[in-house]
Amino acid sequence: MKIYNKLLKMAKSRANYFCLIDPDKLDAEQAVFFARTCEENGADGLLVGGSIMLNNSFETNLKLIKEKVNIPVLIFPGIFNFVSPHADALLFLSVITSRNPQMLIGEQVRAAPQIKQ
């Protein structure tokens, strides 16, 4: 609840901005450099995720980013495989443009036991 309360407090006090890091587009070194640059330039947090996630660098990049910055790191998994304990928070997004019920709610249902754990 600490991160939720921190984010809520930030949102009530002023406008905020978050930087997006797509692990499919950056290797670990680039991702950490980008994350630190965002933090140094006043970002309030980082959003880590992407729509495809092909190169299996998500967990590695996320862990390294979290170790190197002092701002909240949020993930938005499109599928249950990309839920991670290394994130500060998780945004559940439905791919509302999808006609596939699995993408609308099924992946969130699949991720629920992992999140509970």
PDB file of N, CA and C in Angstrom:
ATOM      1  N   MET A   1       0.808  -1.195   0.000  1.00  0.00           N
ATOM      2  CA  MET A   1       0.000   0.000   0.000  1.00  0.00           C
ATOM      3  C   MET A   1       0.856   1.267   0.000  1.00  0.00           C
ATOM      4  N   LYS A   2       2.133   1.142   0.407  1.00  0.00           N
ATOM      5  CA  LYS A   2       2.984   2.329   0.481  1.00  0.00           C
ATOM      6  C   LYS A   2       3.130   3.002  -0.877  1.00  0.00           C
ATOM      7  N   ILE A   3       3.365   2.230  -1.930  1.00  0.00           N
ATOM      8  CA  ILE A   3       3.541   2.812  -3.263  1.00  0.00           C
ATOM      9  C   ILE A   3       2.236   3.438  -3.731  1.00  0.00           C
ATOM     10  N   TYR A   4       1.119   2.750  -3.504  1.00  0.00           N
ATOM     11  CA  TYR A   4      -0.178   3.300  -3.902  1.00  0.00           C
ATOM     12  C   TYR A   4      -0.397   4.660  -3.238  1.00  0.00           C
ATOM     13  N   ASN A   5      -0.141   4.729  -1.946  1.00  0.00           N
ATOM     14  CA  ASN A   5      -0.345   5.990  -1.226  1.00  0.00           C
ATOM     15  C   ASN A   5       0.610   7.067  -1.732  1.00  0.00           C
ATOM     16  N   LYS A   6       1.846   6.692  -2.035  1.00  0.00           N
ATOM     17  CA  LYS A   6       2.812   7.652  -2.572  1.00  0.00           C
ATOM     18  C   LYS A   6       2.342   8.190  -3.923  1.00  0.00           C
ATOM     19  N   LEU A   7       1.888   7.295  -4.796  1.00  0.00           N
ATOM     20  CA  LEU A   7       1.409   7.715  -6.108  1.00  0.00           C
ATOM     21  C   LEU A   7       0.162   8.584  -5.987  1.00  0.00           C
ATOM     22  N   LEU A   8      -0.726   8.207  -5.090  1.00  0.00           N
ATOM     23  CA  LEU A   8      -1.943   8.992  -4.864  1.00  0.00           C
ATOM     24  C   LEU A   8      -1.604  10.398  -4.352  1.00  0.00           C
ATOM     25  N   LYS A   9      -0.679  10.480  -3.430  1.00  0.00           N
ATOM     26  CA  LYS A   9      -0.258  11.778  -2.895  1.00  0.00           C
ATOM     27  C   LYS A   9       0.369  12.636  -3.993  1.00  0.00           C
ATOM     28  N   MET A  10       1.220  12.025  -4.824  1.00  0.00           N
ATOM     29  CA  MET A  10       1.841  12.763  -5.929  1.00  0.00           C
ATOM     30  C   MET A  10       0.772  13.299  -6.875  1.00  0.00           C
ATOM     31  N   ALA A  11      -0.208  12.476  -7.187  1.00  0.00           N
ATOM     32  CA  ALA A  11      -1.247  12.873  -8.144  1.00  0.00           C
ATOM     33  C   ALA A  11      -2.101  14.021  -7.608  1.00  0.00           C
ATOM     34  N   LYS A  12      -2.296  14.064  -6.323  1.00  0.00           N
ATOM     35  CA  LYS A  12      -3.116  15.122  -5.737  1.00  0.00           C
ATOM     36  C   LYS A  12      -2.364  16.447  -5.615  1.00  0.00           C
ATOM     37  N   SER A  13      -1.050  16.389  -5.571  1.00  0.00           N
ATOM     38  CA  SER A  13      -0.284  17.603  -5.314  1.00  0.00           C
ATOM     39  C   SER A  13       0.122  18.359  -6.574  1.00  0.00           C
ATOM     40  N   ARG A  14       0.292  17.641  -7.706  1.00  0.00           N
ATOM     41  CA  ARG A  14       0.757  18.307  -8.923  1.00  0.00           C
ATOM     42  C   ARG A  14       0.665  17.341 -10.098  1.00  0.00           C
ATOM     43  N   ALA A  15       0.915  17.874 -11.278  1.00  0.00           N
ATOM     44  CA  ALA A  15       0.975  17.014 -12.461  1.00  0.00           C
ATOM     45  C   ALA A  15       2.243  16.167 -12.382  1.00  0.00           C
ATOM     46  N   ASN A  16       2.178  14.959 -12.880  1.00  0.00           N
ATOM     47  CA  ASN A  16       3.313  14.043 -12.845  1.00  0.00           C
ATOM     48  C   ASN A  16       3.609  13.524 -14.233  1.00  0.00           C
ATOM     49  N   TYR A  17       4.827  13.045 -14.401  1.00  0.00           N
ATOM     50  CA  TYR A  17       5.112  12.350 -15.648  1.00  0.00           C
ATOM     51  C   TYR A  17       5.954  11.105 -15.396  1.00  0.00           C
ATOM     52  N   PHE A  18       5.659  10.106 -16.185  1.00  0.00           N
ATOM     53  CA  PHE A  18       6.324   8.816 -16.113  1.00  0.00           C
ATOM     54  C   PHE A  18       6.955   8.529 -17.467  1.00  0.00           C
ATOM     55  N   CYS A  19       8.107   7.902 -17.453  1.00  0.00           N
ATOM     56  CA  CYS A  19       8.777   7.516 -18.696  1.00  0.00           C
ATOM     57  C   CYS A  19       8.477   6.048 -18.977  1.00  0.00           C
ATOM     58  N   LEU A  20       8.329   5.734 -20.243  1.00  0.00           N
ATOM     59  CA  LEU A  20       8.063   4.366 -20.676  1.00  0.00           C
ATOM     60  C   LEU A  20       9.351   3.714 -21.151  1.00  0.00           C
ATOM     61  N   ILE A  21       9.612   2.527 -20.635  1.00  0.00           N
ATOM     62  CA  ILE A  21      10.762   1.743 -21.073  1.00  0.00           C
ATOM     63  C   ILE A  21      10.232   0.442 -21.641  1.00  0.00           C
ATOM     64  N   ASP A  22      10.519   0.210 -22.907  1.00  0.00           N
ATOM     65  CA  ASP A  22      10.099  -1.017 -23.583  1.00  0.00           C
ATOM     66  C   ASP A  22      11.285  -1.982 -23.602  1.00  0.00           C
ATOM     67  N   PRO A  23      11.238  -3.061 -22.825  1.00  0.00           N
ATOM     68  CA  PRO A  23      12.361  -3.995 -22.751  1.00  0.00           C
ATOM     69  C   PRO A  23      12.709  -4.658 -24.087  1.00  0.00           C
ATOM     70  N   ASP A  24      11.778  -4.673 -25.019  1.00  0.00           N
ATOM     71  CA  ASP A  24      12.077  -5.236 -26.335  1.00  0.00           C
ATOM     72  C   ASP A  24      12.955  -4.301 -27.170  1.00  0.00           C
ATOM     73  N   LYS A  25      12.990  -3.028 -26.813  1.00  0.00           N
ATOM     74  CA  LYS A  25      13.715  -2.051 -27.618  1.00  0.00           C
ATOM     75  C   LYS A  25      15.115  -1.743 -27.081  1.00  0.00           C
ATOM     76  N   LEU A  26      15.386  -2.100 -25.813  1.00  0.00           N
ATOM     77  CA  LEU A  26      16.651  -1.751 -25.177  1.00  0.00           C
ATOM     78  C   LEU A  26      17.285  -2.966 -24.518  1.00  0.00           C
ATOM     79  N   ASP A  27      18.626  -3.054 -24.590  1.00  0.00           N
ATOM     80  CA  ASP A  27      19.283  -4.091 -23.808  1.00  0.00           C
ATOM     81  C   ASP A  27      19.381  -3.584 -22.366  1.00  0.00           C
ATOM     82  N   ALA A  28      19.902  -4.395 -21.467  1.00  0.00           N
ATOM     83  CA  ALA A  28      19.911  -4.047 -20.043  1.00  0.00           C
ATOM     84  C   ALA A  28      20.676  -2.757 -19.774  1.00  0.00           C
ATOM     85  N   GLU A  29      21.835  -2.593 -20.376  1.00  0.00           N
ATOM     86  CA  GLU A  29      22.642  -1.394 -20.161  1.00  0.00           C
ATOM     87  C   GLU A  29      21.915  -0.139 -20.641  1.00  0.00           C
ATOM     88  N   GLN A  30      21.295  -0.223 -21.803  1.00  0.00           N
ATOM     89  CA  GLN A  30      20.550   0.918 -22.337  1.00  0.00           C
ATOM     90  C   GLN A  30      19.340   1.233 -21.463  1.00  0.00           C
ATOM     91  N   ALA A  31      18.663   0.197 -20.993  1.00  0.00           N
ATOM     92  CA  ALA A  31      17.478   0.394 -20.157  1.00  0.00           C
ATOM     93  C   ALA A  31      17.842   1.107 -18.858  1.00  0.00           C
ATOM     94  N   VAL A  32      18.945   0.694 -18.229  1.00  0.00           N
ATOM     95  CA  VAL A  32      19.386   1.340 -16.984  1.00  0.00           C
ATOM     96  C   VAL A  32      19.790   2.784 -17.261  1.00  0.00           C
ATOM     97  N   PHE A  33      20.520   3.022 -18.336  1.00  0.00           N
ATOM     98  CA  PHE A  33      20.922   4.390 -18.692  1.00  0.00           C
ATOM     99  C   PHE A  33      19.692   5.265 -18.894  1.00  0.00           C
ATOM    100  N   PHE A  34      18.724   4.763 -19.640  1.00  0.00           N
ATOM    101  CA  PHE A  34      17.501   5.515 -19.905  1.00  0.00           C
ATOM    102  C   PHE A  34      16.753   5.792 -18.605  1.00  0.00           C
ATOM    103  N   ALA A  35      16.635   4.782 -17.744  1.00  0.00           N
ATOM    104  CA  ALA A  35      15.913   4.935 -16.475  1.00  0.00           C
ATOM    105  C   ALA A  35      16.581   5.991 -15.597  1.00  0.00           C
ATOM    106  N   ARG A  36      17.889   5.950 -15.504  1.00  0.00           N
ATOM    107  CA  ARG A  36      18.606   6.928 -14.683  1.00  0.00           C
ATOM    108  C   ARG A  36      18.498   8.334 -15.272  1.00  0.00           C
ATOM    109  N   THR A  37      18.533   8.428 -16.595  1.00  0.00           N
ATOM    110  CA  THR A  37      18.367   9.722 -17.252  1.00  0.00           C
ATOM    111  C   THR A  37      16.984  10.290 -16.965  1.00  0.00           C
ATOM    112  N   CYS A  38      15.980   9.448 -17.019  1.00  0.00           N
ATOM    113  CA  CYS A  38      14.612   9.893 -16.698  1.00  0.00           C
ATOM    114  C   CYS A  38      14.545  10.411 -15.270  1.00  0.00           C
ATOM    115  N   GLU A  39      15.100   9.657 -14.340  1.00  0.00           N
ATOM    116  CA  GLU A  39      15.075  10.065 -12.936  1.00  0.00           C
ATOM    117  C   GLU A  39      15.815  11.391 -12.742  1.00  0.00           C
ATOM    118  N   GLU A  40      16.988  11.517 -13.347  1.00  0.00           N
ATOM    119  CA  GLU A  40      17.783  12.740 -13.214  1.00  0.00           C
ATOM    120  C   GLU A  40      17.064  13.958 -13.791  1.00  0.00           C
ATOM    121  N   ASN A  41      16.174  13.726 -14.739  1.00  0.00           N
ATOM    122  CA  ASN A  41      15.453  14.824 -15.376  1.00  0.00           C
ATOM    123  C   ASN A  41      14.049  15.017 -14.821  1.00  0.00           C
ATOM    124  N   GLY A  42      13.797  14.474 -13.646  1.00  0.00           N
ATOM    125  CA  GLY A  42      12.568  14.777 -12.930  1.00  0.00           C
ATOM    126  C   GLY A  42      11.390  13.844 -13.117  1.00  0.00           C
ATOM    127  N   ALA A  43      11.590  12.700 -13.750  1.00  0.00           N
ATOM    128  CA  ALA A  43      10.462  11.762 -13.894  1.00  0.00           C
ATOM    129  C   ALA A  43       9.986  11.324 -12.513  1.00  0.00           C
ATOM    130  N   ASP A  44       8.688  11.182 -12.387  1.00  0.00           N
ATOM    131  CA  ASP A  44       8.097  10.756 -11.120  1.00  0.00           C
ATOM    132  C   ASP A  44       8.056   9.246 -10.981  1.00  0.00           C
ATOM    133  N   GLY A  45       8.235   8.551 -12.088  1.00  0.00           N
ATOM    134  CA  GLY A  45       8.225   7.100 -12.070  1.00  0.00           C
ATOM    135  C   GLY A  45       8.501   6.557 -13.449  1.00  0.00           C
ATOM    136  N   LEU A  46       8.602   5.245 -13.514  1.00  0.00           N
ATOM    137  CA  LEU A  46       8.871   4.553 -14.774  1.00  0.00           C
ATOM    138  C   LEU A  46       7.787   3.524 -15.027  1.00  0.00           C
ATOM    139  N   LEU A  47       7.390   3.416 -16.274  1.00  0.00           N
ATOM    140  CA  LEU A  47       6.487   2.354 -16.717  1.00  0.00           C
ATOM    141  C   LEU A  47       7.328   1.402 -17.558  1.00  0.00           C
ATOM    142  N   VAL A  48       7.373   0.142 -17.175  1.00  0.00           N
ATOM    143  CA  VAL A  48       8.179  -0.833 -17.897  1.00  0.00           C
ATOM    144  C   VAL A  48       7.239  -1.874 -18.481  1.00  0.00           C
ATOM    145  N   GLY A  49       7.298  -2.009 -19.792  1.00  0.00           N
ATOM    146  CA  GLY A  49       6.471  -3.007 -20.457  1.00  0.00           C
ATOM    147  C   GLY A  49       6.377  -2.720 -21.934  1.00  0.00           C
ATOM    148  N   GLY A  50       5.697  -3.592 -22.611  1.00  0.00           N
ATOM    149  CA  GLY A  50       5.505  -3.454 -24.042  1.00  0.00           C
ATOM    150  C   GLY A  50       4.378  -4.356 -24.493  1.00  0.00           C
ATOM    151  N   SER A  51       4.036  -4.237 -25.729  1.00  0.00           N
ATOM    152  CA  SER A  51       2.885  -5.004 -26.204  1.00  0.00           C
ATOM    153  C   SER A  51       3.262  -6.387 -26.709  1.00  0.00           C
ATOM    154  N   ILE A  52       4.518  -6.594 -27.090  1.00  0.00           N
ATOM    155  CA  ILE A  52       4.865  -7.883 -27.679  1.00  0.00           C
ATOM    156  C   ILE A  52       5.773  -8.706 -26.774  1.00  0.00           C
ATOM    157  N   MET A  53       6.838  -8.117 -26.252  1.00  0.00           N
ATOM    158  CA  MET A  53       7.767  -8.777 -25.340  1.00  0.00           C
ATOM    159  C   MET A  53       8.363 -10.047 -25.954  1.00  0.00           C
ATOM    160  N   LEU A  54       9.212  -9.872 -26.919  1.00  0.00           N
ATOM    161  CA  LEU A  54       9.785 -10.991 -27.653  1.00  0.00           C
ATOM    162  C   LEU A  54      11.126 -11.494 -27.148  1.00  0.00           C
ATOM    163  N   ASN A  55      11.969 -10.629 -26.611  1.00  0.00           N
ATOM    164  CA  ASN A  55      13.354 -11.040 -26.403  1.00  0.00           C
ATOM    165  C   ASN A  55      13.711 -11.527 -25.003  1.00  0.00           C
ATOM    166  N   ASN A  56      12.764 -11.809 -24.153  1.00  0.00           N
ATOM    167  CA  ASN A  56      12.991 -12.388 -22.824  1.00  0.00           C
ATOM    168  C   ASN A  56      13.899 -11.560 -21.927  1.00  0.00           C
ATOM    169  N   SER A  57      13.965 -10.259 -22.132  1.00  0.00           N
ATOM    170  CA  SER A  57      14.815  -9.426 -21.289  1.00  0.00           C
ATOM    171  C   SER A  57      14.014  -8.680 -20.230  1.00  0.00           C
ATOM    172  N   PHE A  58      12.739  -8.916 -20.160  1.00  0.00           N
ATOM    173  CA  PHE A  58      11.870  -8.179 -19.246  1.00  0.00           C
ATOM    174  C   PHE A  58      12.333  -8.287 -17.800  1.00  0.00           C
ATOM    175  N   GLU A  59      12.455  -9.483 -17.281  1.00  0.00           N
ATOM    176  CA  GLU A  59      12.795  -9.684 -15.868  1.00  0.00           C
ATOM    177  C   GLU A  59      14.184  -9.131 -15.549  1.00  0.00           C
ATOM    178  N   THR A  60      15.145  -9.385 -16.417  1.00  0.00           N
ATOM    179  CA  THR A  60      16.508  -8.885 -16.220  1.00  0.00           C
ATOM    180  C   THR A  60      16.529  -7.365 -16.210  1.00  0.00           C
ATOM    181  N   ASN A  61      15.923  -6.756 -17.223  1.00  0.00           N
ATOM    182  CA  ASN A  61      15.895  -5.291 -17.293  1.00  0.00           C
ATOM    183  C   ASN A  61      15.173  -4.689 -16.096  1.00  0.00           C
ATOM    184  N   LEU A  62      14.047  -5.262 -15.737  1.00  0.00           N
ATOM    185  CA  LEU A  62      13.257  -4.741 -14.625  1.00  0.00           C
ATOM    186  C   LEU A  62      14.058  -4.772 -13.328  1.00  0.00           C
ATOM    187  N   LYS A  63      14.697  -5.874 -13.056  1.00  0.00           N
ATOM    188  CA  LYS A  63      15.480  -6.016 -11.826  1.00  0.00           C
ATOM    189  C   LYS A  63      16.624  -4.998 -11.790  1.00  0.00           C
ATOM    190  N   LEU A  64      17.338  -4.844 -12.887  1.00  0.00           N
ATOM    191  CA  LEU A  64      18.445  -3.884 -12.943  1.00  0.00           C
ATOM    192  C   LEU A  64      17.954  -2.450 -12.796  1.00  0.00           C
ATOM    193  N   ILE A  65      16.873  -2.129 -13.470  1.00  0.00           N
ATOM    194  CA  ILE A  65      16.306  -0.783 -13.369  1.00  0.00           C
ATOM    195  C   ILE A  65      15.933  -0.481 -11.923  1.00  0.00           C
ATOM    196  N   LYS A  66      15.239  -1.408 -11.295  1.00  0.00           N
ATOM    197  CA  LYS A  66      14.784  -1.215  -9.915  1.00  0.00           C
ATOM    198  C   LYS A  66      15.959  -1.003  -8.969  1.00  0.00           C
ATOM    199  N   GLU A  67      17.071  -1.689  -9.212  1.00  0.00           N
ATOM    200  CA  GLU A  67      18.262  -1.539  -8.370  1.00  0.00           C
ATOM    201  C   GLU A  67      18.935  -0.182  -8.543  1.00  0.00           C
ATOM    202  N   LYS A  68      18.749   0.465  -9.694  1.00  0.00           N
ATOM    203  CA  LYS A  68      19.517   1.665 -10.025  1.00  0.00           C
ATOM    204  C   LYS A  68      18.761   2.983  -9.891  1.00  0.00           C
ATOM    205  N   VAL A  69      17.455   2.932  -9.641  1.00  0.00           N
ATOM    206  CA  VAL A  69      16.687   4.175  -9.506  1.00  0.00           C
ATOM    207  C   VAL A  69      15.959   4.221  -8.169  1.00  0.00           C
ATOM    208  N   ASN A  70      15.574   5.418  -7.791  1.00  0.00           N
ATOM    209  CA  ASN A  70      14.860   5.620  -6.529  1.00  0.00           C
ATOM    210  C   ASN A  70      13.458   6.170  -6.748  1.00  0.00           C
ATOM    211  N   ILE A  71      12.913   5.949  -7.926  1.00  0.00           N
ATOM    212  CA  ILE A  71      11.542   6.357  -8.227  1.00  0.00           C
ATOM    213  C   ILE A  71      10.718   5.100  -8.461  1.00  0.00           C
ATOM    214  N   PRO A  72       9.405   5.184  -8.334  1.00  0.00           N
ATOM    215  CA  PRO A  72       8.567   3.993  -8.523  1.00  0.00           C
ATOM    216  C   PRO A  72       8.706   3.395  -9.928  1.00  0.00           C
ATOM    217  N   VAL A  73       8.727   2.076  -9.954  1.00  0.00           N
ATOM    218  CA  VAL A  73       8.797   1.326 -11.204  1.00  0.00           C
ATOM    219  C   VAL A  73       7.523   0.500 -11.309  1.00  0.00           C
ATOM    220  N   LEU A  74       6.702   0.838 -12.305  1.00  0.00           N
ATOM    221  CA  LEU A  74       5.425   0.162 -12.505  1.00  0.00           C
ATOM    222  C   LEU A  74       5.483  -0.683 -13.765  1.00  0.00           C
ATOM    223  N   ILE A  75       4.812  -1.805 -13.734  1.00  0.00           N
ATOM    224  CA  ILE A  75       4.714  -2.648 -14.924  1.00  0.00           C
ATOM    225  C   ILE A  75       3.264  -2.715 -15.368  1.00  0.00           C
ATOM    226  N   PHE A  76       3.077  -3.028 -16.639  1.00  0.00           N
ATOM    227  CA  PHE A  76       1.727  -3.212 -17.157  1.00  0.00           C
ATOM    228  C   PHE A  76       1.734  -4.441 -18.062  1.00  0.00           C
ATOM    229  N   PRO A  77       1.640  -5.598 -17.440  1.00  0.00           N
ATOM    230  CA  PRO A  77       1.741  -6.840 -18.211  1.00  0.00           C
ATOM    231  C   PRO A  77       0.550  -7.050 -19.137  1.00  0.00           C
ATOM    232  N   GLY A  78       0.866  -7.392 -20.367  1.00  0.00           N
ATOM    233  CA  GLY A  78      -0.182  -7.738 -21.321  1.00  0.00           C
ATOM    234  C   GLY A  78      -0.621  -9.187 -21.158  1.00  0.00           C
ATOM    235  N   ILE A  79       0.337 -10.022 -20.707  1.00  0.00           N
ATOM    236  CA  ILE A  79       0.035 -11.428 -20.435  1.00  0.00           C
ATOM    237  C   ILE A  79       0.608 -11.801 -19.071  1.00  0.00           C
ATOM    238  N   PHE A  80       0.120 -12.879 -18.514  1.00  0.00           N
ATOM    239  CA  PHE A  80       0.459 -13.225 -17.141  1.00  0.00           C
ATOM    240  C   PHE A  80       1.938 -13.507 -16.922  1.00  0.00           C
ATOM    241  N   ASN A  81       2.669 -13.892 -17.944  1.00  0.00           N
ATOM    242  CA  ASN A  81       4.095 -14.206 -17.802  1.00  0.00           C
ATOM    243  C   ASN A  81       4.921 -13.000 -17.363  1.00  0.00           C
ATOM    244  N   PHE A  82       4.405 -11.803 -17.550  1.00  0.00           N
ATOM    245  CA  PHE A  82       5.188 -10.617 -17.266  1.00  0.00           C
ATOM    246  C   PHE A  82       4.762  -9.907 -15.991  1.00  0.00           C
ATOM    247  N   VAL A  83       4.310 -10.677 -15.023  1.00  0.00           N
ATOM    248  CA  VAL A  83       4.083 -10.179 -13.674  1.00  0.00           C
ATOM    249  C   VAL A  83       5.382 -10.455 -12.925  1.00  0.00           C
ATOM    250  N   SER A  84       5.872  -9.489 -12.170  1.00  0.00           N
ATOM    251  CA  SER A  84       7.173  -9.649 -11.517  1.00  0.00           C
ATOM    252  C   SER A  84       7.173  -9.075 -10.111  1.00  0.00           C
ATOM    253  N   PRO A  85       7.852  -9.753  -9.194  1.00  0.00           N
ATOM    254  CA  PRO A  85       7.987  -9.211  -7.834  1.00  0.00           C
ATOM    255  C   PRO A  85       8.980  -8.055  -7.754  1.00  0.00           C
ATOM    256  N   HIS A  86       9.694  -7.774  -8.830  1.00  0.00           N
ATOM    257  CA  HIS A  86      10.681  -6.697  -8.822  1.00  0.00           C
ATOM    258  C   HIS A  86      10.049  -5.317  -9.037  1.00  0.00           C
ATOM    259  N   ALA A  87       8.809  -5.270  -9.431  1.00  0.00           N
ATOM    260  CA  ALA A  87       8.124  -3.990  -9.666  1.00  0.00           C
ATOM    261  C   ALA A  87       7.546  -3.450  -8.364  1.00  0.00           C
ATOM    262  N   ASP A  88       7.394  -2.128  -8.318  1.00  0.00           N
ATOM    263  CA  ASP A  88       6.747  -1.503  -7.166  1.00  0.00           C
ATOM    264  C   ASP A  88       5.233  -1.593  -7.256  1.00  0.00           C
ATOM    265  N   ALA A  89       4.727  -1.589  -8.470  1.00  0.00           N
ATOM    266  CA  ALA A  89       3.283  -1.627  -8.665  1.00  0.00           C
ATOM    267  C   ALA A  89       2.980  -2.234 -10.025  1.00  0.00           C
ATOM    268  N   LEU A  90       1.739  -2.607 -10.198  1.00  0.00           N
ATOM    269  CA  LEU A  90       1.293  -3.247 -11.426  1.00  0.00           C
ATOM    270  C   LEU A  90       0.012  -2.578 -11.893  1.00  0.00           C
ATOM    271  N   LEU A  91      -0.045  -2.241 -13.156  1.00  0.00           N
ATOM    272  CA  LEU A  91      -1.263  -1.708 -13.752  1.00  0.00           C
ATOM    273  C   LEU A  91      -1.881  -2.811 -14.589  1.00  0.00           C
ATOM    274  N   PHE A  92      -3.094  -3.172 -14.287  1.00  0.00           N
ATOM    275  CA  PHE A  92      -3.774  -4.156 -15.118  1.00  0.00           C
ATOM    276  C   PHE A  92      -4.457  -3.422 -16.254  1.00  0.00           C
ATOM    277  N   LEU A  93      -4.056  -3.721 -17.444  1.00  0.00           N
ATOM    278  CA  LEU A  93      -4.647  -3.104 -18.617  1.00  0.00           C
ATOM    279  C   LEU A  93      -5.380  -4.153 -19.419  1.00  0.00           C
ATOM    280  N   SER A  94      -6.503  -3.800 -19.913  1.00  0.00           N
ATOM    281  CA  SER A  94      -7.198  -4.643 -20.870  1.00  0.00           C
ATOM    282  C   SER A  94      -6.922  -4.081 -22.251  1.00  0.00           C
ATOM    283  N   VAL A  95      -6.663  -4.963 -23.166  1.00  0.00           N
ATOM    284  CA  VAL A  95      -6.463  -4.521 -24.539  1.00  0.00           C
ATOM    285  C   VAL A  95      -7.868  -4.323 -25.108  1.00  0.00           C
ATOM    286  N   ILE A  96      -8.417  -3.136 -24.895  1.00  0.00           N
ATOM    287  CA  ILE A  96      -9.821  -2.898 -25.201  1.00  0.00           C
ATOM    288  C   ILE A  96     -10.103  -2.873 -26.692  1.00  0.00           C
ATOM    289  N   THR A  97      -9.066  -2.771 -27.501  1.00  0.00           N
ATOM    290  CA  THR A  97      -9.298  -2.819 -28.941  1.00  0.00           C
ATOM    291  C   THR A  97      -9.329  -4.255 -29.449  1.00  0.00           C
ATOM    292  N   SER A  98      -9.069  -5.181 -28.551  1.00  0.00           N
ATOM    293  CA  SER A  98      -9.044  -6.587 -28.940  1.00  0.00           C
ATOM    294  C   SER A  98     -10.450  -7.180 -28.963  1.00  0.00           C
ATOM    295  N   ARG A  99     -10.654  -8.103 -29.845  1.00  0.00           N
ATOM    296  CA  ARG A  99     -11.909  -8.873 -29.867  1.00  0.00           C
ATOM    297  C   ARG A  99     -11.724 -10.206 -29.168  1.00  0.00           C
ATOM    298  N   ASN A 100     -10.503 -10.446 -28.711  1.00  0.00           N
ATOM    299  CA  ASN A 100     -10.161 -11.695 -28.066  1.00  0.00           C
ATOM    300  C   ASN A 100     -10.456 -11.602 -26.565  1.00  0.00           C
ATOM    301  N   PRO A 101     -11.407 -12.395 -26.054  1.00  0.00           N
ATOM    302  CA  PRO A 101     -11.743 -12.342 -24.627  1.00  0.00           C
ATOM    303  C   PRO A 101     -10.541 -12.657 -23.734  1.00  0.00           C
ATOM    304  N   GLN A 102      -9.611 -13.454 -24.234  1.00  0.00           N
ATOM    305  CA  GLN A 102      -8.422 -13.770 -23.443  1.00  0.00           C
ATOM    306  C   GLN A 102      -7.627 -12.507 -23.122  1.00  0.00           C
ATOM    307  N   MET A 103      -7.546 -11.594 -24.080  1.00  0.00           N
ATOM    308  CA  MET A 103      -6.805 -10.361 -23.861  1.00  0.00           C
ATOM    309  C   MET A 103      -7.622  -9.333 -23.077  1.00  0.00           C
ATOM    310  N   LEU A 104      -8.928  -9.438 -23.114  1.00  0.00           N
ATOM    311  CA  LEU A 104      -9.775  -8.497 -22.387  1.00  0.00           C
ATOM    312  C   LEU A 104      -9.746  -8.754 -20.885  1.00  0.00           C
ATOM    313  N   ILE A 105      -9.787 -10.040 -20.467  1.00  0.00           N
ATOM    314  CA  ILE A 105      -9.825 -10.362 -19.044  1.00  0.00           C
ATOM    315  C   ILE A 105      -9.076 -11.642 -18.690  1.00  0.00           C
ATOM    316  N   GLY A 106      -8.940 -12.548 -19.625  1.00  0.00           N
ATOM    317  CA  GLY A 106      -8.353 -13.860 -19.342  1.00  0.00           C
ATOM    318  C   GLY A 106      -6.949 -13.816 -18.771  1.00  0.00           C
ATOM    319  N   GLU A 107      -6.108 -12.935 -19.291  1.00  0.00           N
ATOM    320  CA  GLU A 107      -4.729 -12.858 -18.801  1.00  0.00           C
ATOM    321  C   GLU A 107      -4.672 -12.321 -17.374  1.00  0.00           C
ATOM    322  N   GLN A 108      -5.575 -11.418 -17.017  1.00  0.00           N
ATOM    323  CA  GLN A 108      -5.620 -10.925 -15.646  1.00  0.00           C
ATOM    324  C   GLN A 108      -6.026 -12.045 -14.692  1.00  0.00           C
ATOM    325  N   VAL A 109      -6.973 -12.867 -15.118  1.00  0.00           N
ATOM    326  CA  VAL A 109      -7.414 -13.993 -14.294  1.00  0.00           C
ATOM    327  C   VAL A 109      -6.266 -14.979 -14.110  1.00  0.00           C
ATOM    328  N   ARG A 110      -5.512 -15.239 -15.165  1.00  0.00           N
ATOM    329  CA  ARG A 110      -4.368 -16.161 -15.085  1.00  0.00           C
ATOM    330  C   ARG A 110      -3.284 -15.620 -14.152  1.00  0.00           C
ATOM    331  N   ALA A 111      -3.121 -14.307 -14.083  1.00  0.00           N
ATOM    332  CA  ALA A 111      -2.073 -13.700 -13.265  1.00  0.00           C
ATOM    333  C   ALA A 111      -2.464 -13.596 -11.785  1.00  0.00           C
ATOM    334  N   ALA A 112      -3.742 -13.677 -11.475  1.00  0.00           N
ATOM    335  CA  ALA A 112      -4.210 -13.444 -10.106  1.00  0.00           C
ATOM    336  C   ALA A 112      -3.516 -14.320  -9.067  1.00  0.00           C
ATOM    337  N   PRO A 113      -3.360 -15.632  -9.270  1.00  0.00           N
ATOM    338  CA  PRO A 113      -2.678 -16.438  -8.239  1.00  0.00           C
ATOM    339  C   PRO A 113      -1.230 -16.015  -8.017  1.00  0.00           C
ATOM    340  N   GLN A 114      -0.540 -15.637  -9.074  1.00  0.00           N
ATOM    341  CA  GLN A 114       0.842 -15.199  -8.952  1.00  0.00           C
ATOM    342  C   GLN A 114       0.916 -13.891  -8.159  1.00  0.00           C
ATOM    343  N   ILE A 115      -0.024 -12.993  -8.402  1.00  0.00           N
ATOM    344  CA  ILE A 115      -0.052 -11.710  -7.690  1.00  0.00           C
ATOM    345  C   ILE A 115      -0.371 -11.938  -6.215  1.00  0.00           C
ATOM    346  N   LYS A 116      -1.312 -12.822  -5.946  1.00  0.00           N
ATOM    347  CA  LYS A 116      -1.679 -13.111  -4.567  1.00  0.00           C
ATOM    348  C   LYS A 116      -0.485 -13.674  -3.792  1.00  0.00           C
ATOM    349  N   GLN A 117       0.282 -14.531  -4.452  1.00  0.00           N
ATOM    350  CA  GLN A 117       1.453 -15.137  -3.831  1.00  0.00           C
ATOM    351  C   GLN A 117       2.492 -14.087  -3.510  1.00  0.00           C
TER     352      GLN A 117
END
